[in-house]
Amino acid sequence: MVPSNPRMNRRTTAIRSLVLLALLPFSGCALFGPKQTQYEKNILNFNVQGIEMGSPPHNLSIFSQVKKPPTAPGGKLVYQVFNPNTHISAAIFWYEANRLRNVELRYVNGSGVETLNLAGGWVGIRESLFTDFGPPSAFGPGVVITAKLPGLDAATAKFNGVWFFTRVNRQLNYTAMSDDETGNGVAAITVLDTKPLKKSQQPKKTFPKEQPPPPESAPGPGFSVQPPKVL
């Protein structure tokens, strides 16, 4: 039996440690980094009828009612989809470098429209957001409104909150206005991809399979936090 060499054993151990350290930059320190929370997984999976953040504009072809406004601020592509499902009055999609960067969902009660009610009312939407994404990072009149829906006012809003997911580069805002006497009201959810985007990056060419609209008997905000199916 060959006797062990303590010096050689120490050298072998040192080399193994160096190999491990050399691999860490390529793995993003994933071996030791904290795992994603369920809330972070949910915001990363956020999608509307299968349209998810980072996807290209052609995925909107699943909607026959998609419209492109004549102008868009900041050189971004903007598309509007009215009633993407029975619980959303309109969805606005902003694209930059051929990637979806911002989504705004609009809910309305009034003039024969009641998507806000179908979505659960402003309170029901808020509770759904609490369930899917946890408590907000901040709320109240001091939170900056990110939605472009006209008429939203942080000072008189029933709820105005923001969720920051800095580890996964996402932000969610929710603002709701409601008249207790008439029942009329509007609400908007916005989801933003806050990661700086390199112009050379191109999204994956996946085509979502259209998801069935939520049943009218089960109120909900009309989005999903489950990974969408792809064709």
C-alpha atoms as a PDB file:
ATOM      1  CA  MET A   1       0.000   0.000   0.000  1.00  0.00           C
ATOM      2  CA  VAL A   2       1.393   3.384  -1.025  1.00  0.00           C
ATOM      3  CA  PRO A   3       1.527   5.824   1.916  1.00  0.00           C
ATOM      4  CA  SER A   4      -0.398   9.071   1.484  1.00  0.00           C
ATOM      5  CA  ASN A   5       1.499  12.278   0.885  1.00  0.00           C
ATOM      6  CA  PRO A   6       0.076  15.105   3.066  1.00  0.00           C
ATOM      7  CA  ARG A   7       1.648  17.752   0.841  1.00  0.00           C
ATOM      8  CA  MET A   8       0.095  16.261  -2.288  1.00  0.00           C
ATOM      9  CA  ASN A   9      -3.291  15.960  -0.588  1.00  0.00           C
ATOM     10  CA  ARG A  10      -3.230  19.656   0.347  1.00  0.00           C
ATOM     11  CA  ARG A  11      -2.277  20.571  -3.210  1.00  0.00           C
ATOM     12  CA  THR A  12      -5.142  18.469  -4.624  1.00  0.00           C
ATOM     13  CA  THR A  13      -7.623  20.094  -2.260  1.00  0.00           C
ATOM     14  CA  ALA A  14      -6.353  23.565  -3.196  1.00  0.00           C
ATOM     15  CA  ILE A  15      -6.688  22.836  -6.918  1.00  0.00           C
ATOM     16  CA  ARG A  16     -10.247  21.587  -6.486  1.00  0.00           C
ATOM     17  CA  SER A  17     -11.127  24.791  -4.615  1.00  0.00           C
ATOM     18  CA  LEU A  18      -9.660  26.910  -7.409  1.00  0.00           C
ATOM     19  CA  VAL A  19     -11.638  24.989 -10.025  1.00  0.00           C
ATOM     20  CA  LEU A  20     -14.853  25.603  -8.082  1.00  0.00           C
ATOM     21  CA  LEU A  21     -14.112  29.312  -7.746  1.00  0.00           C
ATOM     22  CA  ALA A  22     -13.282  29.563 -11.442  1.00  0.00           C
ATOM     23  CA  LEU A  23     -16.664  28.108 -12.369  1.00  0.00           C
ATOM     24  CA  LEU A  24     -18.699  30.484 -10.206  1.00  0.00           C
ATOM     25  CA  PRO A  25     -18.665  33.474 -12.628  1.00  0.00           C
ATOM     26  CA  PHE A  26     -20.149  31.247 -15.329  1.00  0.00           C
ATOM     27  CA  SER A  27     -22.914  30.013 -13.088  1.00  0.00           C
ATOM     28  CA  GLY A  28     -23.756  33.440 -11.674  1.00  0.00           C
ATOM     29  CA  CYS A  29     -23.016  32.094  -8.183  1.00  0.00           C
ATOM     30  CA  ALA A  30     -26.218  30.088  -8.506  1.00  0.00           C
ATOM     31  CA  LEU A  31     -24.804  27.369  -6.285  1.00  0.00           C
ATOM     32  CA  PHE A  32     -24.860  29.646  -3.269  1.00  0.00           C
ATOM     33  CA  GLY A  33     -27.340  32.389  -4.211  1.00  0.00           C
ATOM     34  CA  PRO A  34     -30.786  32.600  -2.617  1.00  0.00           C
ATOM     35  CA  LYS A  35     -33.596  30.785  -4.383  1.00  0.00           C
ATOM     36  CA  GLN A  36     -36.393  32.716  -6.047  1.00  0.00           C
ATOM     37  CA  THR A  37     -39.426  33.238  -3.893  1.00  0.00           C
ATOM     38  CA  GLN A  38     -42.844  32.144  -5.105  1.00  0.00           C
ATOM     39  CA  TYR A  39     -43.755  35.810  -5.573  1.00  0.00           C
ATOM     40  CA  GLU A  40     -40.719  36.316  -7.817  1.00  0.00           C
ATOM     41  CA  LYS A  41     -41.618  33.227  -9.827  1.00  0.00           C
ATOM     42  CA  ASN A  42     -45.161  34.535 -10.216  1.00  0.00           C
ATOM     43  CA  ILE A  43     -44.104  37.943 -11.527  1.00  0.00           C
ATOM     44  CA  LEU A  44     -41.691  36.292 -13.979  1.00  0.00           C
ATOM     45  CA  ASN A  45     -44.520  34.057 -15.223  1.00  0.00           C
ATOM     46  CA  PHE A  46     -46.986  36.955 -15.526  1.00  0.00           C
ATOM     47  CA  ASN A  47     -48.804  36.774 -18.862  1.00  0.00           C
ATOM     48  CA  VAL A  48     -52.018  37.845 -20.557  1.00  0.00           C
ATOM     49  CA  GLN A  49     -53.530  35.066 -22.657  1.00  0.00           C
ATOM     50  CA  GLY A  50     -50.036  33.647 -23.095  1.00  0.00           C
ATOM     51  CA  ILE A  51     -48.365  36.972 -23.945  1.00  0.00           C
ATOM     52  CA  GLU A  52     -45.413  37.239 -21.567  1.00  0.00           C
ATOM     53  CA  MET A  53     -42.731  39.825 -20.879  1.00  0.00           C
ATOM     54  CA  GLY A  54     -39.828  39.719 -23.328  1.00  0.00           C
ATOM     55  CA  SER A  55     -41.896  38.187 -26.138  1.00  0.00           C
ATOM     56  CA  PRO A  56     -41.915  39.710 -29.672  1.00  0.00           C
ATOM     57  CA  PRO A  57     -44.795  41.733 -31.179  1.00  0.00           C
ATOM     58  CA  HIS A  58     -45.851  39.019 -33.627  1.00  0.00           C
ATOM     59  CA  ASN A  59     -47.144  36.953 -30.705  1.00  0.00           C
ATOM     60  CA  LEU A  60     -50.081  39.386 -30.561  1.00  0.00           C
ATOM     61  CA  SER A  61     -51.406  37.750 -33.738  1.00  0.00           C
ATOM     62  CA  ILE A  62     -53.516  35.513 -31.478  1.00  0.00           C
ATOM     63  CA  PHE A  63     -55.795  38.562 -31.049  1.00  0.00           C
ATOM     64  CA  SER A  64     -57.955  39.536 -34.024  1.00  0.00           C
ATOM     65  CA  GLN A  65     -58.722  42.920 -32.422  1.00  0.00           C
ATOM     66  CA  VAL A  66     -55.137  44.140 -32.001  1.00  0.00           C
ATOM     67  CA  LYS A  67     -54.595  47.781 -33.030  1.00  0.00           C
ATOM     68  CA  LYS A  68     -51.454  49.844 -33.495  1.00  0.00           C
ATOM     69  CA  PRO A  69     -51.774  53.551 -32.620  1.00  0.00           C
ATOM     70  CA  PRO A  70     -50.346  55.978 -35.223  1.00  0.00           C
ATOM     71  CA  THR A  71     -47.724  57.366 -32.834  1.00  0.00           C
ATOM     72  CA  ALA A  72     -45.822  56.080 -29.816  1.00  0.00           C
ATOM     73  CA  PRO A  73     -43.659  58.059 -27.367  1.00  0.00           C
ATOM     74  CA  GLY A  74     -39.962  57.372 -27.000  1.00  0.00           C
ATOM     75  CA  GLY A  75     -39.630  55.397 -30.211  1.00  0.00           C
ATOM     76  CA  LYS A  76     -41.398  52.383 -28.720  1.00  0.00           C
ATOM     77  CA  LEU A  77     -43.910  50.194 -30.502  1.00  0.00           C
ATOM     78  CA  VAL A  78     -47.320  50.252 -28.849  1.00  0.00           C
ATOM     79  CA  TYR A  79     -50.234  47.925 -29.495  1.00  0.00           C
ATOM     80  CA  GLN A  80     -53.736  47.970 -28.026  1.00  0.00           C
ATOM     81  CA  VAL A  81     -55.978  44.968 -27.591  1.00  0.00           C
ATOM     82  CA  PHE A  82     -59.542  45.678 -26.526  1.00  0.00           C
ATOM     83  CA  ASN A  83     -61.188  42.953 -24.430  1.00  0.00           C
ATOM     84  CA  PRO A  84     -58.367  40.395 -24.583  1.00  0.00           C
ATOM     85  CA  ASN A  85     -60.682  38.421 -22.321  1.00  0.00           C
ATOM     86  CA  THR A  86     -63.993  39.029 -20.585  1.00  0.00           C
ATOM     87  CA  HIS A  87     -62.385  40.535 -17.460  1.00  0.00           C
ATOM     88  CA  ILE A  88     -60.167  43.189 -19.096  1.00  0.00           C
ATOM     89  CA  SER A  89     -61.416  46.214 -21.024  1.00  0.00           C
ATOM     90  CA  ALA A  90     -58.094  46.878 -22.734  1.00  0.00           C
ATOM     91  CA  ALA A  91     -54.502  45.713 -22.660  1.00  0.00           C
ATOM     92  CA  ILE A  92     -51.707  48.003 -23.829  1.00  0.00           C
ATOM     93  CA  PHE A  93     -48.377  46.470 -24.845  1.00  0.00           C
ATOM     94  CA  TRP A  94     -45.151  48.498 -25.156  1.00  0.00           C
ATOM     95  CA  TYR A  95     -42.193  47.046 -27.092  1.00  0.00           C
ATOM     96  CA  GLU A  96     -38.550  48.058 -27.241  1.00  0.00           C
ATOM     97  CA  ALA A  97     -35.882  46.307 -29.322  1.00  0.00           C
ATOM     98  CA  ASN A  98     -38.572  43.842 -30.394  1.00  0.00           C
ATOM     99  CA  ARG A  99     -39.270  42.775 -26.795  1.00  0.00           C
ATOM    100  CA  LEU A 100     -42.325  43.338 -24.628  1.00  0.00           C
ATOM    101  CA  ARG A 101     -41.233  45.743 -21.884  1.00  0.00           C
ATOM    102  CA  ASN A 102     -44.436  47.107 -20.373  1.00  0.00           C
ATOM    103  CA  VAL A 103     -48.028  45.873 -20.054  1.00  0.00           C
ATOM    104  CA  GLU A 104     -51.013  47.881 -18.861  1.00  0.00           C
ATOM    105  CA  LEU A 105     -54.335  46.219 -18.066  1.00  0.00           C
ATOM    106  CA  ARG A 106     -57.422  48.436 -17.803  1.00  0.00           C
ATOM    107  CA  TYR A 107     -60.675  47.711 -15.989  1.00  0.00           C
ATOM    108  CA  VAL A 108     -63.802  49.850 -16.267  1.00  0.00           C
ATOM    109  CA  ASN A 109     -67.262  50.101 -14.709  1.00  0.00           C
ATOM    110  CA  GLY A 110     -69.763  52.435 -16.364  1.00  0.00           C
ATOM    111  CA  SER A 111     -71.716  53.069 -19.566  1.00  0.00           C
ATOM    112  CA  GLY A 112     -72.663  49.434 -20.015  1.00  0.00           C
ATOM    113  CA  VAL A 113     -69.154  48.157 -19.279  1.00  0.00           C
ATOM    114  CA  GLU A 114     -68.389  46.197 -16.124  1.00  0.00           C
ATOM    115  CA  THR A 115     -65.019  44.513 -16.504  1.00  0.00           C
ATOM    116  CA  LEU A 116     -64.007  45.956 -13.129  1.00  0.00           C
ATOM    117  CA  ASN A 117     -66.867  44.042 -11.500  1.00  0.00           C
ATOM    118  CA  LEU A 118     -66.066  40.862 -13.413  1.00  0.00           C
ATOM    119  CA  ALA A 119     -62.455  41.122 -12.276  1.00  0.00           C
ATOM    120  CA  GLY A 120     -63.610  41.192  -8.662  1.00  0.00           C
ATOM    121  CA  GLY A 121     -63.960  44.936  -8.119  1.00  0.00           C
ATOM    122  CA  TRP A 122     -61.072  47.130  -7.061  1.00  0.00           C
ATOM    123  CA  VAL A 123     -60.873  45.296  -3.720  1.00  0.00           C
ATOM    124  CA  GLY A 124     -60.924  41.871  -5.365  1.00  0.00           C
ATOM    125  CA  ILE A 125     -58.115  42.824  -7.739  1.00  0.00           C
ATOM    126  CA  ARG A 126     -56.076  44.153  -4.838  1.00  0.00           C
ATOM    127  CA  GLU A 127     -56.573  40.909  -2.899  1.00  0.00           C
ATOM    128  CA  SER A 128     -55.572  38.860  -5.957  1.00  0.00           C
ATOM    129  CA  LEU A 129     -52.377  40.886  -6.242  1.00  0.00           C
ATOM    130  CA  PHE A 130     -51.655  40.359  -2.539  1.00  0.00           C
ATOM    131  CA  THR A 131     -52.124  36.610  -3.031  1.00  0.00           C
ATOM    132  CA  ASP A 132     -49.952  36.335  -6.136  1.00  0.00           C
ATOM    133  CA  PHE A 133     -47.267  38.907  -5.320  1.00  0.00           C
ATOM    134  CA  GLY A 134     -47.357  39.508  -1.579  1.00  0.00           C
ATOM    135  CA  PRO A 135     -47.766  42.838   0.217  1.00  0.00           C
ATOM    136  CA  PRO A 136     -46.843  45.959  -1.785  1.00  0.00           C
ATOM    137  CA  SER A 137     -43.461  47.612  -1.377  1.00  0.00           C
ATOM    138  CA  ALA A 138     -45.221  50.955  -0.904  1.00  0.00           C
ATOM    139  CA  PHE A 139     -48.731  52.378  -1.232  1.00  0.00           C
ATOM    140  CA  GLY A 140     -50.532  55.675  -0.859  1.00  0.00           C
ATOM    141  CA  PRO A 141     -50.584  59.066  -2.601  1.00  0.00           C
ATOM    142  CA  GLY A 142     -46.783  59.230  -2.699  1.00  0.00           C
ATOM    143  CA  VAL A 143     -46.476  56.322  -5.122  1.00  0.00           C
ATOM    144  CA  VAL A 144     -45.899  57.461  -8.710  1.00  0.00           C
ATOM    145  CA  ILE A 145     -48.597  56.199 -11.077  1.00  0.00           C
ATOM    146  CA  THR A 146     -47.106  54.354 -14.054  1.00  0.00           C
ATOM    147  CA  ALA A 147     -50.367  53.685 -15.939  1.00  0.00           C
ATOM    148  CA  LYS A 148     -51.250  55.899 -18.901  1.00  0.00           C
ATOM    149  CA  LEU A 149     -54.999  55.563 -18.309  1.00  0.00           C
ATOM    150  CA  PRO A 150     -56.387  59.129 -18.173  1.00  0.00           C
ATOM    151  CA  GLY A 151     -58.039  60.318 -14.961  1.00  0.00           C
ATOM    152  CA  LEU A 152     -56.034  58.361 -12.427  1.00  0.00           C
ATOM    153  CA  ASP A 153     -55.223  60.465  -9.359  1.00  0.00           C
ATOM    154  CA  ALA A 154     -52.975  59.208  -6.564  1.00  0.00           C
ATOM    155  CA  ALA A 155     -54.483  61.665  -4.067  1.00  0.00           C
ATOM    156  CA  THR A 156     -58.056  60.344  -4.412  1.00  0.00           C
ATOM    157  CA  ALA A 157     -57.394  56.742  -5.450  1.00  0.00           C
ATOM    158  CA  LYS A 158     -59.001  53.928  -3.484  1.00  0.00           C
ATOM    159  CA  PHE A 159     -55.669  52.160  -3.759  1.00  0.00           C
ATOM    160  CA  ASN A 160     -52.335  53.146  -5.269  1.00  0.00           C
ATOM    161  CA  GLY A 161     -49.463  50.744  -4.710  1.00  0.00           C
ATOM    162  CA  VAL A 162     -46.234  49.415  -6.157  1.00  0.00           C
ATOM    163  CA  TRP A 163     -44.405  46.084  -5.907  1.00  0.00           C
ATOM    164  CA  PHE A 164     -40.667  46.066  -6.547  1.00  0.00           C
ATOM    165  CA  PHE A 165     -38.951  42.816  -7.526  1.00  0.00           C
ATOM    166  CA  THR A 166     -35.412  44.103  -7.889  1.00  0.00           C
ATOM    167  CA  ARG A 167     -33.739  40.687  -7.907  1.00  0.00           C
ATOM    168  CA  VAL A 168     -35.665  39.641 -11.028  1.00  0.00           C
ATOM    169  CA  ASN A 169     -35.972  43.084 -12.662  1.00  0.00           C
ATOM    170  CA  ARG A 170     -39.726  43.537 -12.451  1.00  0.00           C
ATOM    171  CA  GLN A 171     -42.109  46.169 -11.132  1.00  0.00           C
ATOM    172  CA  LEU A 172     -45.880  46.048 -10.734  1.00  0.00           C
ATOM    173  CA  ASN A 173     -48.203  49.005 -10.059  1.00  0.00           C
ATOM    174  CA  TYR A 174     -51.901  49.013  -9.271  1.00  0.00           C
ATOM    175  CA  THR A 175     -54.135  52.092  -9.087  1.00  0.00           C
ATOM    176  CA  ALA A 176     -57.914  52.055  -8.606  1.00  0.00           C
ATOM    177  CA  MET A 177     -60.547  54.811  -8.641  1.00  0.00           C
ATOM    178  CA  SER A 178     -64.156  54.128  -7.639  1.00  0.00           C
ATOM    179  CA  ASP A 179     -67.347  56.046  -6.849  1.00  0.00           C
ATOM    180  CA  ASP A 180     -69.150  54.336  -3.978  1.00  0.00           C
ATOM    181  CA  GLU A 181     -72.509  55.928  -4.877  1.00  0.00           C
ATOM    182  CA  THR A 182     -72.684  55.103  -8.588  1.00  0.00           C
ATOM    183  CA  GLY A 183     -70.438  52.059  -8.666  1.00  0.00           C
ATOM    184  CA  ASN A 184     -68.513  53.552 -11.590  1.00  0.00           C
ATOM    185  CA  GLY A 185     -64.767  53.213 -11.529  1.00  0.00           C
ATOM    186  CA  VAL A 186     -61.533  52.474 -13.319  1.00  0.00           C
ATOM    187  CA  ALA A 187     -58.431  50.543 -12.378  1.00  0.00           C
ATOM    188  CA  ALA A 188     -55.108  49.783 -14.019  1.00  0.00           C
ATOM    189  CA  ILE A 189     -52.344  47.253 -13.471  1.00  0.00           C
ATOM    190  CA  THR A 190     -48.961  47.858 -15.056  1.00  0.00           C
ATOM    191  CA  VAL A 191     -46.060  45.420 -15.190  1.00  0.00           C
ATOM    192  CA  LEU A 192     -42.628  46.649 -16.226  1.00  0.00           C
ATOM    193  CA  ASP A 193     -39.423  44.861 -17.183  1.00  0.00           C
ATOM    194  CA  THR A 194     -36.797  47.075 -15.535  1.00  0.00           C
ATOM    195  CA  LYS A 195     -33.685  45.291 -16.801  1.00  0.00           C
ATOM    196  CA  PRO A 196     -31.570  47.394 -19.214  1.00  0.00           C
ATOM    197  CA  LEU A 197     -31.930  45.910 -22.665  1.00  0.00           C
ATOM    198  CA  LYS A 198     -29.085  45.438 -25.101  1.00  0.00           C
ATOM    199  CA  LYS A 199     -30.087  46.349 -28.634  1.00  0.00           C
ATOM    200  CA  SER A 200     -28.445  43.194 -29.963  1.00  0.00           C
ATOM    201  CA  GLN A 201     -30.708  40.962 -27.906  1.00  0.00           C
ATOM    202  CA  GLN A 202     -33.508  39.246 -29.775  1.00  0.00           C
ATOM    203  CA  PRO A 203     -36.466  37.475 -28.180  1.00  0.00           C
ATOM    204  CA  LYS A 204     -37.155  33.817 -28.669  1.00  0.00           C
ATOM    205  CA  LYS A 205     -39.497  33.069 -31.557  1.00  0.00           C
ATOM    206  CA  THR A 206     -42.199  31.291 -29.651  1.00  0.00           C
ATOM    207  CA  PHE A 207     -45.861  31.420 -30.483  1.00  0.00           C
ATOM    208  CA  PRO A 208     -48.227  31.243 -27.510  1.00  0.00           C
ATOM    209  CA  LYS A 209     -51.267  29.058 -27.613  1.00  0.00           C
ATOM    210  CA  GLU A 210     -54.281  31.234 -26.890  1.00  0.00           C
ATOM    211  CA  GLN A 211     -55.456  30.659 -23.348  1.00  0.00           C
ATOM    212  CA  PRO A 212     -59.209  30.302 -22.678  1.00  0.00           C
ATOM    213  CA  PRO A 213     -60.823  33.386 -21.129  1.00  0.00           C
ATOM    214  CA  PRO A 214     -61.640  33.176 -17.422  1.00  0.00           C
ATOM    215  CA  PRO A 215     -65.210  32.042 -16.731  1.00  0.00           C
ATOM    216  CA  GLU A 216     -67.557  34.864 -15.805  1.00  0.00           C
ATOM    217  CA  SER A 217     -68.653  32.946 -12.718  1.00  0.00           C
ATOM    218  CA  ALA A 218     -65.142  33.123 -11.244  1.00  0.00           C
ATOM    219  CA  PRO A 219     -64.019  36.748 -10.788  1.00  0.00           C
ATOM    220  CA  GLY A 220     -60.352  37.431 -11.394  1.00  0.00           C
ATOM    221  CA  PRO A 221     -58.084  40.105 -12.890  1.00  0.00           C
ATOM    222  CA  GLY A 222     -57.738  38.218 -16.190  1.00  0.00           C
ATOM    223  CA  PHE A 223     -53.995  37.554 -16.120  1.00  0.00           C
ATOM    224  CA  SER A 224     -52.086  34.398 -15.271  1.00  0.00           C
ATOM    225  CA  VAL A 225     -48.993  33.641 -13.197  1.00  0.00           C
ATOM    226  CA  GLN A 226     -48.659  30.141 -14.653  1.00  0.00           C
ATOM    227  CA  PRO A 227     -46.116  29.590 -17.445  1.00  0.00           C
ATOM    228  CA  PRO A 228     -47.948  29.870 -20.787  1.00  0.00           C
ATOM    229  CA  LYS A 229     -48.085  26.944 -23.162  1.00  0.00           C
ATOM    230  CA  VAL A 230     -46.247  27.367 -26.451  1.00  0.00           C
ATOM    231  CA  LEU A 231     -46.727  25.796 -29.841  1.00  0.00           C
END
